[in-house]
N, C-alpha and C. Protein backbone atom coordinates (compact mmCIF):
# COMPACT_ATOMS: atom_id res chain seq x y z
N ILE A 1 -39.60 40.69 -44.98
CA ILE A 1 -38.58 39.85 -44.32
C ILE A 1 -38.44 40.46 -42.91
N ILE A 2 -38.18 41.77 -42.93
CA ILE A 2 -37.99 42.38 -41.49
C ILE A 2 -39.12 42.42 -40.72
N CYS A 3 -40.41 42.59 -41.23
CA CYS A 3 -41.59 42.52 -40.49
C CYS A 3 -41.89 41.16 -39.98
N GLN A 4 -41.59 40.14 -40.70
CA GLN A 4 -41.73 38.74 -40.43
C GLN A 4 -40.92 38.27 -39.20
N LEU A 5 -39.84 39.02 -38.99
CA LEU A 5 -38.89 38.71 -37.83
C LEU A 5 -39.21 39.55 -36.63
N ALA A 6 -40.17 40.40 -36.62
CA ALA A 6 -40.48 41.21 -35.42
C ALA A 6 -40.58 40.55 -34.12
N LYS A 7 -41.17 39.49 -34.06
CA LYS A 7 -41.42 38.76 -32.92
C LYS A 7 -40.25 37.65 -32.56
N GLU A 8 -39.28 37.55 -33.30
CA GLU A 8 -38.17 36.69 -33.10
C GLU A 8 -37.11 37.30 -32.10
N GLN A 9 -36.30 36.44 -31.44
CA GLN A 9 -35.30 36.86 -30.52
C GLN A 9 -34.31 37.92 -31.21
N HIS A 10 -34.11 37.61 -32.49
CA HIS A 10 -33.12 38.69 -33.06
C HIS A 10 -33.83 39.21 -34.22
N PRO A 11 -34.76 40.23 -34.04
CA PRO A 11 -35.65 40.79 -35.07
C PRO A 11 -34.86 41.40 -36.33
N ILE A 12 -33.83 41.88 -35.95
CA ILE A 12 -32.90 42.51 -37.21
C ILE A 12 -31.98 41.56 -37.49
N PRO A 13 -31.99 40.80 -38.70
CA PRO A 13 -31.07 39.89 -38.94
C PRO A 13 -29.68 40.32 -39.07
N ALA A 14 -28.66 39.46 -38.69
CA ALA A 14 -27.25 39.80 -38.92
C ALA A 14 -27.07 39.61 -40.43
N TRP A 15 -27.51 38.65 -41.07
CA TRP A 15 -27.34 38.34 -42.50
C TRP A 15 -28.60 38.11 -43.20
N ILE A 16 -28.74 38.34 -44.47
CA ILE A 16 -29.89 37.91 -45.34
C ILE A 16 -28.96 37.18 -46.56
N VAL A 17 -29.38 35.95 -46.87
CA VAL A 17 -28.60 35.38 -47.94
C VAL A 17 -29.52 34.96 -49.08
N CYS A 18 -28.91 35.24 -50.32
CA CYS A 18 -29.84 34.87 -51.58
C CYS A 18 -28.81 34.55 -52.67
N GLY A 19 -29.36 33.82 -53.62
CA GLY A 19 -28.52 33.57 -54.77
C GLY A 19 -28.81 34.74 -55.73
N VAL A 20 -28.12 34.66 -56.85
CA VAL A 20 -28.22 35.71 -57.97
C VAL A 20 -28.66 34.91 -59.18
N GLY A 21 -29.87 35.29 -59.83
CA GLY A 21 -30.34 34.71 -61.11
C GLY A 21 -29.96 36.04 -61.99
N THR A 22 -30.98 36.83 -61.99
CA THR A 22 -30.93 38.04 -62.81
C THR A 22 -30.28 39.27 -61.98
N GLY A 23 -30.21 39.01 -60.64
CA GLY A 23 -29.53 40.00 -59.76
C GLY A 23 -30.58 41.02 -59.18
N GLY A 24 -31.84 40.91 -59.66
CA GLY A 24 -32.91 41.77 -59.20
C GLY A 24 -33.30 41.61 -57.62
N THR A 25 -33.26 40.24 -57.22
CA THR A 25 -33.52 40.08 -55.78
C THR A 25 -32.47 40.59 -54.88
N SER A 26 -31.14 40.36 -55.17
CA SER A 26 -30.11 40.84 -54.30
C SER A 26 -30.10 42.39 -54.41
N ALA A 27 -30.32 42.89 -55.46
CA ALA A 27 -30.27 44.37 -55.62
C ALA A 27 -31.45 45.02 -54.85
N THR A 28 -32.63 44.43 -54.82
CA THR A 28 -33.75 45.00 -54.23
C THR A 28 -33.50 44.85 -52.59
N ILE A 29 -33.10 43.68 -52.20
CA ILE A 29 -32.78 43.59 -50.82
C ILE A 29 -31.76 44.39 -50.25
N GLY A 30 -30.54 44.43 -50.95
CA GLY A 30 -29.48 45.30 -50.56
C GLY A 30 -29.88 46.75 -50.50
N ARG A 31 -30.52 47.31 -51.46
CA ARG A 31 -30.93 48.66 -51.56
C ARG A 31 -31.82 48.86 -50.25
N TYR A 32 -32.83 48.00 -50.04
CA TYR A 32 -33.72 48.21 -48.79
C TYR A 32 -32.88 48.23 -47.47
N LEU A 33 -31.93 47.42 -47.31
CA LEU A 33 -31.26 47.32 -46.19
C LEU A 33 -30.41 48.67 -46.00
N ARG A 34 -29.87 49.19 -47.00
CA ARG A 34 -29.14 50.44 -46.89
C ARG A 34 -30.07 51.61 -46.72
N TYR A 35 -31.25 51.60 -47.53
CA TYR A 35 -32.12 52.72 -47.40
C TYR A 35 -32.69 52.83 -45.90
N GLN A 36 -32.99 51.63 -45.26
CA GLN A 36 -33.48 51.58 -43.97
C GLN A 36 -32.33 51.65 -42.86
N ARG A 37 -31.19 51.89 -43.31
CA ARG A 37 -29.96 51.93 -42.54
C ARG A 37 -29.84 50.84 -41.38
N LEU A 38 -30.15 49.65 -41.92
CA LEU A 38 -30.12 48.50 -41.02
C LEU A 38 -28.73 47.99 -40.91
N ASP A 39 -28.30 47.30 -39.93
CA ASP A 39 -26.94 46.64 -39.77
C ASP A 39 -26.91 45.32 -40.46
N THR A 40 -27.98 44.90 -41.00
CA THR A 40 -27.97 43.65 -41.74
C THR A 40 -27.12 43.61 -43.01
N ARG A 41 -26.29 42.55 -43.06
CA ARG A 41 -25.42 42.45 -44.32
C ARG A 41 -26.05 41.49 -45.24
N LEU A 42 -25.67 41.73 -46.55
CA LEU A 42 -26.22 40.80 -47.61
C LEU A 42 -25.08 40.02 -48.14
N CYS A 43 -25.53 38.63 -48.18
CA CYS A 43 -24.57 37.62 -48.66
C CYS A 43 -25.27 37.11 -49.93
N VAL A 44 -24.39 37.01 -51.04
CA VAL A 44 -24.85 36.26 -52.18
C VAL A 44 -24.22 34.88 -52.16
N ALA A 45 -25.04 33.87 -52.44
CA ALA A 45 -24.48 32.42 -52.31
C ALA A 45 -24.46 31.95 -53.90
N GLU A 46 -23.41 31.54 -54.29
CA GLU A 46 -23.21 31.10 -55.79
C GLU A 46 -22.38 29.96 -55.82
N PRO A 47 -22.56 29.18 -57.00
CA PRO A 47 -21.74 28.13 -57.37
C PRO A 47 -20.30 28.56 -57.54
N ILE A 48 -19.47 27.69 -57.31
CA ILE A 48 -18.03 27.98 -57.45
C ILE A 48 -17.79 28.31 -58.99
N GLY A 49 -17.06 29.42 -59.10
CA GLY A 49 -16.73 29.93 -60.47
C GLY A 49 -17.74 30.76 -61.18
N SER A 50 -18.75 31.13 -60.44
CA SER A 50 -19.75 31.95 -61.16
C SER A 50 -19.22 33.27 -61.55
N ALA A 51 -19.91 33.84 -62.58
CA ALA A 51 -19.44 35.29 -62.98
C ALA A 51 -19.71 36.23 -61.91
N PHE A 52 -20.79 36.11 -61.22
CA PHE A 52 -21.05 37.06 -60.09
C PHE A 52 -19.97 37.15 -59.04
N ALA A 53 -19.45 35.91 -58.70
CA ALA A 53 -18.40 35.73 -57.69
C ALA A 53 -17.15 36.28 -58.30
N HIS A 54 -16.77 36.14 -59.42
CA HIS A 54 -15.57 36.74 -59.96
C HIS A 54 -15.79 38.21 -60.14
N GLY A 55 -16.81 38.70 -60.62
CA GLY A 55 -17.14 40.13 -60.80
C GLY A 55 -17.19 40.81 -59.54
N TRP A 56 -17.77 40.38 -58.57
CA TRP A 56 -17.91 41.07 -57.23
C TRP A 56 -16.58 41.19 -56.65
N LEU A 57 -15.70 40.18 -56.76
CA LEU A 57 -14.24 40.27 -56.07
C LEU A 57 -13.44 41.42 -56.90
N THR A 58 -13.54 41.42 -58.07
CA THR A 58 -12.80 42.37 -58.99
C THR A 58 -13.59 43.67 -59.25
N GLN A 59 -14.83 43.66 -58.99
CA GLN A 59 -15.64 44.81 -59.39
C GLN A 59 -15.76 45.02 -60.91
N ASP A 60 -15.74 43.95 -61.55
CA ASP A 60 -15.79 43.74 -63.00
C ASP A 60 -16.97 43.24 -63.61
N ARG A 61 -17.73 44.14 -64.25
CA ARG A 61 -19.04 43.85 -64.89
C ARG A 61 -18.82 42.93 -66.20
N ASP A 62 -17.61 42.83 -66.57
CA ASP A 62 -17.40 41.94 -67.66
C ASP A 62 -16.97 40.54 -67.41
N ALA A 63 -16.85 40.35 -66.15
CA ALA A 63 -16.55 38.86 -65.70
C ALA A 63 -17.36 37.79 -66.18
N VAL A 64 -16.79 36.66 -66.45
CA VAL A 64 -17.53 35.49 -66.89
C VAL A 64 -17.19 34.43 -65.91
N ALA A 65 -17.98 33.32 -65.96
CA ALA A 65 -17.93 32.09 -65.25
C ALA A 65 -16.63 31.45 -65.66
N SER A 66 -16.03 30.75 -64.60
CA SER A 66 -14.72 29.91 -65.05
C SER A 66 -15.13 28.38 -64.89
N ALA A 67 -16.29 28.10 -64.48
CA ALA A 67 -16.72 26.64 -64.35
C ALA A 67 -18.21 26.57 -64.51
N PRO A 68 -18.75 25.56 -65.14
CA PRO A 68 -19.93 25.13 -65.22
C PRO A 68 -20.69 24.72 -64.04
N THR A 69 -22.04 24.79 -63.85
CA THR A 69 -22.65 24.25 -62.60
C THR A 69 -23.84 23.36 -63.02
N LEU A 70 -24.19 22.48 -62.04
CA LEU A 70 -25.36 21.74 -62.09
C LEU A 70 -26.57 22.39 -61.50
N ILE A 71 -26.33 23.51 -60.85
CA ILE A 71 -27.38 24.21 -60.11
C ILE A 71 -28.09 25.19 -60.93
N GLU A 72 -29.41 25.05 -61.13
CA GLU A 72 -30.25 25.78 -62.02
C GLU A 72 -30.54 27.17 -61.37
N GLY A 73 -30.61 28.22 -62.26
CA GLY A 73 -31.25 29.44 -61.91
C GLY A 73 -30.06 30.42 -61.38
N ILE A 74 -29.02 29.85 -60.85
CA ILE A 74 -27.84 30.69 -60.36
C ILE A 74 -26.58 30.23 -61.14
N GLY A 75 -25.41 30.97 -60.73
CA GLY A 75 -24.18 30.57 -61.35
C GLY A 75 -24.10 30.94 -62.73
N ARG A 76 -24.71 31.99 -63.14
CA ARG A 76 -24.67 32.67 -64.39
C ARG A 76 -23.22 32.78 -65.20
N SER A 77 -23.27 32.62 -66.28
CA SER A 77 -22.01 32.71 -67.10
C SER A 77 -21.44 34.04 -67.32
N ARG A 78 -22.38 35.12 -67.07
CA ARG A 78 -21.80 36.52 -67.18
C ARG A 78 -22.62 37.23 -66.04
N VAL A 79 -22.10 38.41 -65.78
CA VAL A 79 -22.68 39.32 -64.83
C VAL A 79 -23.95 40.05 -65.39
N GLU A 80 -25.11 39.76 -64.88
CA GLU A 80 -26.38 40.38 -65.35
C GLU A 80 -26.44 41.90 -64.98
N PRO A 81 -27.02 42.57 -65.86
CA PRO A 81 -27.15 44.14 -65.61
C PRO A 81 -27.81 44.45 -64.33
N ALA A 82 -28.72 43.75 -63.89
CA ALA A 82 -29.38 44.23 -62.62
C ALA A 82 -28.56 43.95 -61.32
N PHE A 83 -27.52 43.10 -61.36
CA PHE A 83 -26.64 42.99 -60.19
C PHE A 83 -25.91 44.25 -59.78
N LEU A 84 -26.02 44.59 -58.51
CA LEU A 84 -25.31 45.64 -58.00
C LEU A 84 -24.28 45.21 -56.97
N PHE A 85 -23.08 45.39 -57.45
CA PHE A 85 -21.87 45.13 -56.59
C PHE A 85 -21.95 45.75 -55.22
N GLU A 86 -22.25 47.04 -55.21
CA GLU A 86 -22.11 47.85 -54.03
C GLU A 86 -23.00 47.54 -52.89
N VAL A 87 -24.07 46.73 -53.07
CA VAL A 87 -25.07 46.40 -52.10
C VAL A 87 -24.67 45.02 -51.43
N VAL A 88 -23.73 44.38 -52.04
CA VAL A 88 -23.46 43.02 -51.52
C VAL A 88 -22.23 43.08 -50.47
N ASP A 89 -22.36 42.50 -49.41
CA ASP A 89 -21.33 42.51 -48.30
C ASP A 89 -20.32 41.40 -48.44
N GLN A 90 -20.78 40.18 -48.99
CA GLN A 90 -20.04 39.00 -49.00
C GLN A 90 -20.51 38.02 -50.07
N VAL A 91 -19.60 37.38 -50.81
CA VAL A 91 -20.16 36.29 -51.80
C VAL A 91 -19.57 34.94 -51.26
N VAL A 92 -20.39 34.01 -50.95
CA VAL A 92 -19.87 32.66 -50.71
C VAL A 92 -20.12 31.72 -51.77
N GLU A 93 -18.92 31.20 -52.33
CA GLU A 93 -19.01 30.22 -53.46
C GLU A 93 -19.20 28.74 -52.83
N VAL A 94 -19.98 27.98 -53.33
CA VAL A 94 -20.51 26.71 -52.94
C VAL A 94 -20.20 25.67 -53.99
N HIS A 95 -19.65 24.56 -53.50
CA HIS A 95 -19.43 23.50 -54.39
C HIS A 95 -20.80 22.71 -54.72
N ASP A 96 -21.00 22.36 -56.08
CA ASP A 96 -22.44 21.80 -56.48
C ASP A 96 -22.73 20.63 -55.64
N SER A 97 -21.85 19.78 -55.21
CA SER A 97 -22.18 18.60 -54.46
C SER A 97 -22.75 19.13 -53.03
N ALA A 98 -22.09 20.13 -52.52
CA ALA A 98 -22.55 20.66 -51.25
C ALA A 98 -24.00 21.23 -51.40
N SER A 99 -24.24 21.92 -52.46
CA SER A 99 -25.58 22.51 -52.60
C SER A 99 -26.69 21.37 -52.82
N ILE A 100 -26.34 20.35 -53.45
CA ILE A 100 -27.28 19.18 -53.56
C ILE A 100 -27.60 18.42 -52.33
N ALA A 101 -26.40 18.23 -51.55
CA ALA A 101 -26.51 17.57 -50.26
C ALA A 101 -27.44 18.46 -49.35
N ALA A 102 -27.29 19.78 -49.35
CA ALA A 102 -27.96 20.69 -48.59
C ALA A 102 -29.44 20.71 -49.03
N ALA A 103 -29.80 20.45 -50.40
CA ALA A 103 -31.22 20.34 -50.70
C ALA A 103 -31.84 19.10 -50.15
N TRP A 104 -30.91 18.06 -49.99
CA TRP A 104 -31.52 16.83 -49.52
C TRP A 104 -31.72 17.05 -47.95
N LEU A 105 -30.79 17.69 -47.31
CA LEU A 105 -30.94 18.28 -45.76
C LEU A 105 -32.23 18.96 -45.52
N LEU A 106 -32.47 19.88 -46.38
CA LEU A 106 -33.76 20.90 -46.40
C LEU A 106 -34.88 19.99 -46.32
N GLU A 107 -34.91 18.93 -47.24
CA GLU A 107 -36.06 18.07 -47.32
C GLU A 107 -36.29 17.39 -45.89
N GLU A 108 -35.18 16.98 -45.37
CA GLU A 108 -35.13 16.29 -44.04
C GLU A 108 -35.60 17.22 -42.94
N LEU A 109 -35.23 18.40 -42.96
CA LEU A 109 -35.45 19.44 -41.85
C LEU A 109 -36.92 20.05 -41.94
N LEU A 110 -37.31 20.25 -43.32
CA LEU A 110 -38.55 20.92 -43.39
C LEU A 110 -39.70 20.12 -44.01
N GLY A 111 -39.39 18.95 -44.47
CA GLY A 111 -40.43 18.17 -44.97
C GLY A 111 -40.89 18.47 -46.37
N HIS A 112 -40.15 19.39 -47.16
CA HIS A 112 -40.44 19.64 -48.46
C HIS A 112 -39.24 19.70 -49.22
N ARG A 113 -39.31 19.19 -50.55
CA ARG A 113 -38.11 19.39 -51.37
C ARG A 113 -37.85 20.71 -51.86
N TYR A 114 -36.65 21.10 -51.84
CA TYR A 114 -36.22 22.48 -52.53
C TYR A 114 -35.03 22.16 -53.43
N GLY A 115 -34.84 22.93 -54.28
CA GLY A 115 -33.80 22.77 -55.41
C GLY A 115 -32.46 23.14 -54.92
N GLY A 116 -31.57 22.99 -55.88
CA GLY A 116 -30.17 23.27 -55.71
C GLY A 116 -29.77 24.69 -55.21
N SER A 117 -30.53 25.67 -55.75
CA SER A 117 -30.13 27.06 -55.37
C SER A 117 -30.49 27.28 -53.74
N SER A 118 -31.59 26.66 -53.44
CA SER A 118 -31.97 26.80 -51.97
C SER A 118 -30.86 25.96 -51.14
N GLY A 119 -30.31 25.00 -51.63
CA GLY A 119 -29.31 24.22 -50.93
C GLY A 119 -27.95 25.09 -50.93
N THR A 120 -27.66 25.81 -52.00
CA THR A 120 -26.62 26.69 -52.16
C THR A 120 -26.74 27.77 -50.93
N ASN A 121 -27.96 28.25 -50.83
CA ASN A 121 -28.13 29.27 -49.84
C ASN A 121 -28.02 28.69 -48.39
N LEU A 122 -28.41 27.49 -48.17
CA LEU A 122 -28.26 26.85 -46.87
C LEU A 122 -26.72 26.71 -46.44
N VAL A 123 -25.93 26.23 -47.38
CA VAL A 123 -24.53 26.17 -47.21
C VAL A 123 -23.93 27.44 -46.77
N ALA A 124 -24.31 28.52 -47.64
CA ALA A 124 -23.74 29.77 -47.20
C ALA A 124 -24.17 30.28 -45.73
N CYS A 125 -25.43 29.89 -45.55
CA CYS A 125 -25.98 30.34 -44.06
C CYS A 125 -25.05 29.57 -43.06
N LEU A 126 -24.80 28.29 -43.22
CA LEU A 126 -24.05 27.63 -42.24
C LEU A 126 -22.71 28.14 -42.15
N GLU A 127 -22.09 28.60 -43.26
CA GLU A 127 -20.80 29.08 -43.27
C GLU A 127 -20.72 30.34 -42.45
N LEU A 128 -21.70 31.23 -42.75
CA LEU A 128 -21.81 32.55 -41.96
C LEU A 128 -22.08 32.28 -40.54
N ALA A 129 -22.98 31.26 -40.15
CA ALA A 129 -23.31 31.02 -38.73
C ALA A 129 -21.94 30.61 -38.14
N ALA A 130 -21.00 29.77 -38.73
CA ALA A 130 -19.89 29.32 -38.21
C ALA A 130 -18.93 30.56 -37.89
N GLY A 131 -18.86 31.41 -38.76
CA GLY A 131 -18.10 32.65 -38.61
C GLY A 131 -18.54 33.46 -37.41
N MET A 132 -19.87 33.61 -37.30
CA MET A 132 -20.40 34.39 -36.15
C MET A 132 -20.06 33.61 -34.85
N ARG A 133 -20.18 32.27 -34.86
CA ARG A 133 -20.02 31.51 -33.68
C ARG A 133 -18.48 31.73 -33.22
N GLU A 134 -17.46 31.76 -34.22
CA GLU A 134 -16.15 31.95 -33.85
C GLU A 134 -15.98 33.22 -33.34
N ARG A 135 -16.60 34.19 -33.77
CA ARG A 135 -16.35 35.63 -33.32
C ARG A 135 -17.25 35.96 -32.12
N GLY A 136 -17.96 34.96 -31.52
CA GLY A 136 -18.76 35.04 -30.34
C GLY A 136 -20.08 35.99 -30.66
N GLU A 137 -20.54 36.03 -31.97
CA GLU A 137 -21.57 36.86 -32.20
C GLU A 137 -22.98 36.06 -32.24
N ARG A 138 -24.02 36.72 -32.00
CA ARG A 138 -25.36 36.09 -31.92
C ARG A 138 -26.21 36.79 -32.96
N GLY A 139 -27.18 36.18 -33.40
CA GLY A 139 -28.17 36.81 -34.25
C GLY A 139 -28.80 35.82 -35.23
N SER A 140 -29.62 36.41 -36.07
CA SER A 140 -30.38 35.58 -37.07
C SER A 140 -29.76 35.70 -38.34
N ILE A 141 -29.94 34.63 -39.20
CA ILE A 141 -29.60 34.66 -40.54
C ILE A 141 -30.82 34.16 -41.32
N VAL A 142 -31.21 35.08 -42.27
CA VAL A 142 -32.33 34.71 -43.09
C VAL A 142 -32.00 34.42 -44.53
N SER A 143 -32.60 33.34 -45.08
CA SER A 143 -32.40 32.98 -46.42
C SER A 143 -33.67 32.85 -47.15
N LEU A 144 -33.60 33.00 -48.42
CA LEU A 144 -34.76 32.72 -49.30
C LEU A 144 -34.66 31.20 -49.91
N LEU A 145 -35.67 30.44 -49.67
CA LEU A 145 -35.73 29.21 -50.30
C LEU A 145 -36.43 29.38 -51.54
N CYS A 146 -35.75 29.58 -52.65
CA CYS A 146 -36.19 30.02 -53.91
C CYS A 146 -36.67 29.06 -54.98
N ASP A 147 -36.54 27.89 -54.86
CA ASP A 147 -37.01 26.86 -55.80
C ASP A 147 -37.47 25.63 -55.09
N ARG A 148 -38.91 25.31 -55.30
CA ARG A 148 -39.40 24.11 -54.77
C ARG A 148 -38.69 22.92 -55.54
N GLY A 149 -38.61 21.85 -54.92
CA GLY A 149 -37.81 20.72 -55.50
C GLY A 149 -38.44 19.71 -56.25
N GLU A 150 -39.81 19.78 -56.41
CA GLU A 150 -40.62 18.63 -56.98
C GLU A 150 -40.16 18.43 -58.40
N ARG A 151 -39.69 19.49 -59.07
CA ARG A 151 -39.17 19.09 -60.53
C ARG A 151 -37.86 18.68 -60.65
N TYR A 152 -37.29 18.41 -59.46
CA TYR A 152 -35.76 17.81 -59.64
C TYR A 152 -35.82 16.26 -59.23
N GLY A 153 -36.98 15.75 -59.16
CA GLY A 153 -36.97 14.27 -58.77
C GLY A 153 -36.25 13.43 -59.82
N GLN A 154 -36.03 13.79 -60.95
CA GLN A 154 -35.33 12.94 -61.98
C GLN A 154 -33.82 13.42 -61.95
N THR A 155 -33.46 14.41 -61.34
CA THR A 155 -32.00 14.89 -61.39
C THR A 155 -31.56 14.97 -59.95
N LEU A 156 -31.65 16.17 -59.32
CA LEU A 156 -30.92 16.36 -57.99
C LEU A 156 -31.29 15.34 -56.93
N PHE A 157 -32.52 14.68 -57.04
CA PHE A 157 -32.97 13.77 -56.09
C PHE A 157 -32.94 12.48 -56.64
N ASP A 158 -32.42 12.08 -57.74
CA ASP A 158 -32.11 10.79 -58.24
C ASP A 158 -30.65 10.28 -58.03
N PRO A 159 -30.47 9.31 -57.35
CA PRO A 159 -29.11 8.73 -57.08
C PRO A 159 -28.42 8.35 -58.54
N ARG A 160 -29.19 7.84 -59.36
CA ARG A 160 -28.47 7.38 -60.73
C ARG A 160 -28.18 8.59 -61.39
N TRP A 161 -28.87 9.69 -61.45
CA TRP A 161 -28.57 11.06 -62.05
C TRP A 161 -27.18 11.51 -61.32
N LEU A 162 -27.19 11.48 -60.04
CA LEU A 162 -26.01 12.07 -59.26
C LEU A 162 -24.79 11.26 -59.56
N ALA A 163 -24.94 9.94 -59.74
CA ALA A 163 -23.74 8.99 -59.96
C ALA A 163 -23.23 9.34 -61.46
N THR A 164 -24.19 9.50 -62.34
CA THR A 164 -23.73 9.96 -63.73
C THR A 164 -22.95 11.23 -63.86
N HIS A 165 -23.42 12.11 -62.97
CA HIS A 165 -22.76 13.63 -62.85
C HIS A 165 -21.54 13.60 -61.85
N GLY A 166 -21.16 12.48 -61.33
CA GLY A 166 -19.99 12.51 -60.31
C GLY A 166 -20.39 13.15 -59.01
N VAL A 167 -21.64 13.25 -58.61
CA VAL A 167 -21.99 13.82 -57.33
C VAL A 167 -22.03 12.77 -56.25
N ASP A 168 -21.13 12.97 -55.34
CA ASP A 168 -21.12 12.22 -54.02
C ASP A 168 -21.68 13.01 -52.92
N LEU A 169 -22.78 12.65 -52.29
CA LEU A 169 -23.39 13.42 -51.22
C LEU A 169 -22.88 13.13 -49.73
N GLY A 170 -22.19 11.91 -49.68
CA GLY A 170 -21.73 11.35 -48.34
C GLY A 170 -21.05 12.42 -47.55
N ALA A 171 -19.95 12.75 -47.91
CA ALA A 171 -19.07 13.62 -47.09
C ALA A 171 -19.69 15.05 -46.92
N TRP A 172 -20.29 15.46 -47.90
CA TRP A 172 -20.90 16.87 -47.70
C TRP A 172 -22.13 16.80 -46.77
N SER A 173 -22.90 15.71 -46.84
CA SER A 173 -24.01 15.43 -45.90
C SER A 173 -23.59 15.47 -44.53
N ALA A 174 -22.37 14.77 -44.30
CA ALA A 174 -21.92 14.63 -42.85
C ALA A 174 -21.46 15.91 -42.41
N THR A 175 -20.73 16.72 -43.22
CA THR A 175 -20.19 17.96 -42.88
C THR A 175 -21.28 19.04 -42.70
N LEU A 176 -22.30 19.02 -43.37
CA LEU A 176 -23.58 20.05 -43.28
C LEU A 176 -24.25 19.70 -41.92
N ARG A 177 -24.52 18.42 -41.67
CA ARG A 177 -25.12 18.06 -40.39
C ARG A 177 -24.28 18.40 -39.20
N ALA A 178 -23.11 18.11 -39.26
CA ALA A 178 -22.20 18.46 -38.17
C ALA A 178 -22.16 20.00 -37.89
N SER A 179 -22.15 20.76 -39.02
CA SER A 179 -22.18 22.18 -38.80
C SER A 179 -23.56 22.68 -38.30
N LEU A 180 -24.59 22.10 -38.66
CA LEU A 180 -25.84 22.46 -38.21
C LEU A 180 -26.02 22.13 -36.62
N HIS A 181 -25.45 20.98 -36.34
CA HIS A 181 -25.64 20.48 -34.83
C HIS A 181 -24.65 21.12 -34.07
N ARG A 182 -23.43 21.33 -34.50
CA ARG A 182 -22.30 21.92 -33.65
C ARG A 182 -22.78 23.25 -33.12
N GLY A 183 -23.46 24.15 -33.96
CA GLY A 183 -23.89 25.46 -33.40
C GLY A 183 -25.15 25.43 -32.74
N ASN A 184 -25.86 24.39 -32.59
CA ASN A 184 -27.16 24.26 -32.10
C ASN A 184 -28.12 25.22 -32.81
N LEU A 185 -28.09 25.27 -34.16
CA LEU A 185 -28.76 26.17 -35.01
C LEU A 185 -30.29 25.69 -35.08
N GLN A 186 -31.13 26.66 -35.44
CA GLN A 186 -32.59 26.40 -35.41
C GLN A 186 -32.97 26.86 -36.70
N CYS A 187 -33.71 26.09 -37.41
CA CYS A 187 -34.28 26.44 -38.76
C CYS A 187 -35.82 26.83 -38.53
N VAL A 188 -36.16 27.95 -38.74
CA VAL A 188 -37.52 28.49 -38.64
C VAL A 188 -38.12 28.96 -39.98
N CYS A 189 -39.29 28.42 -40.27
CA CYS A 189 -39.89 28.84 -41.46
C CYS A 189 -41.13 29.71 -41.20
């Protein structure tokens, strides 16, 4: 990740954002950032009510999820053993509808479908960018697009499935687009 940013305007990212499945990716990235003594902070993006979000706030390895999620791969019901609290600088909890709206937005922006966990990461990136903008900070935010969206054609990208599960993308789509454009943010792959 760091090598790929070498020629960018802000080669050392302000933030790296990832979700937590087993905890291995966040642990590896977080350890590397600390080992290299980089100023980059690690943000974990999770569905609202996930065990990781509760556990990180309280430093409780026995924390459990308080809400189910429609987002596959993240939002675990319990804290996985590989998750390291100490390498995470912030946890952003994201509403399922926002994650799905962001997955649709990623398709629009990048021309490929990505799943709900990638959408969750995008929402967290936009929240972090808004905070940086408010504080007058500049820099790059890197996220992992961790799940291709082809397999979600009959779920996250199906209006009937969304309606059945009470997911309304309208307000979230407008909010995400406004956040993206308000900050003059650029998505680079």
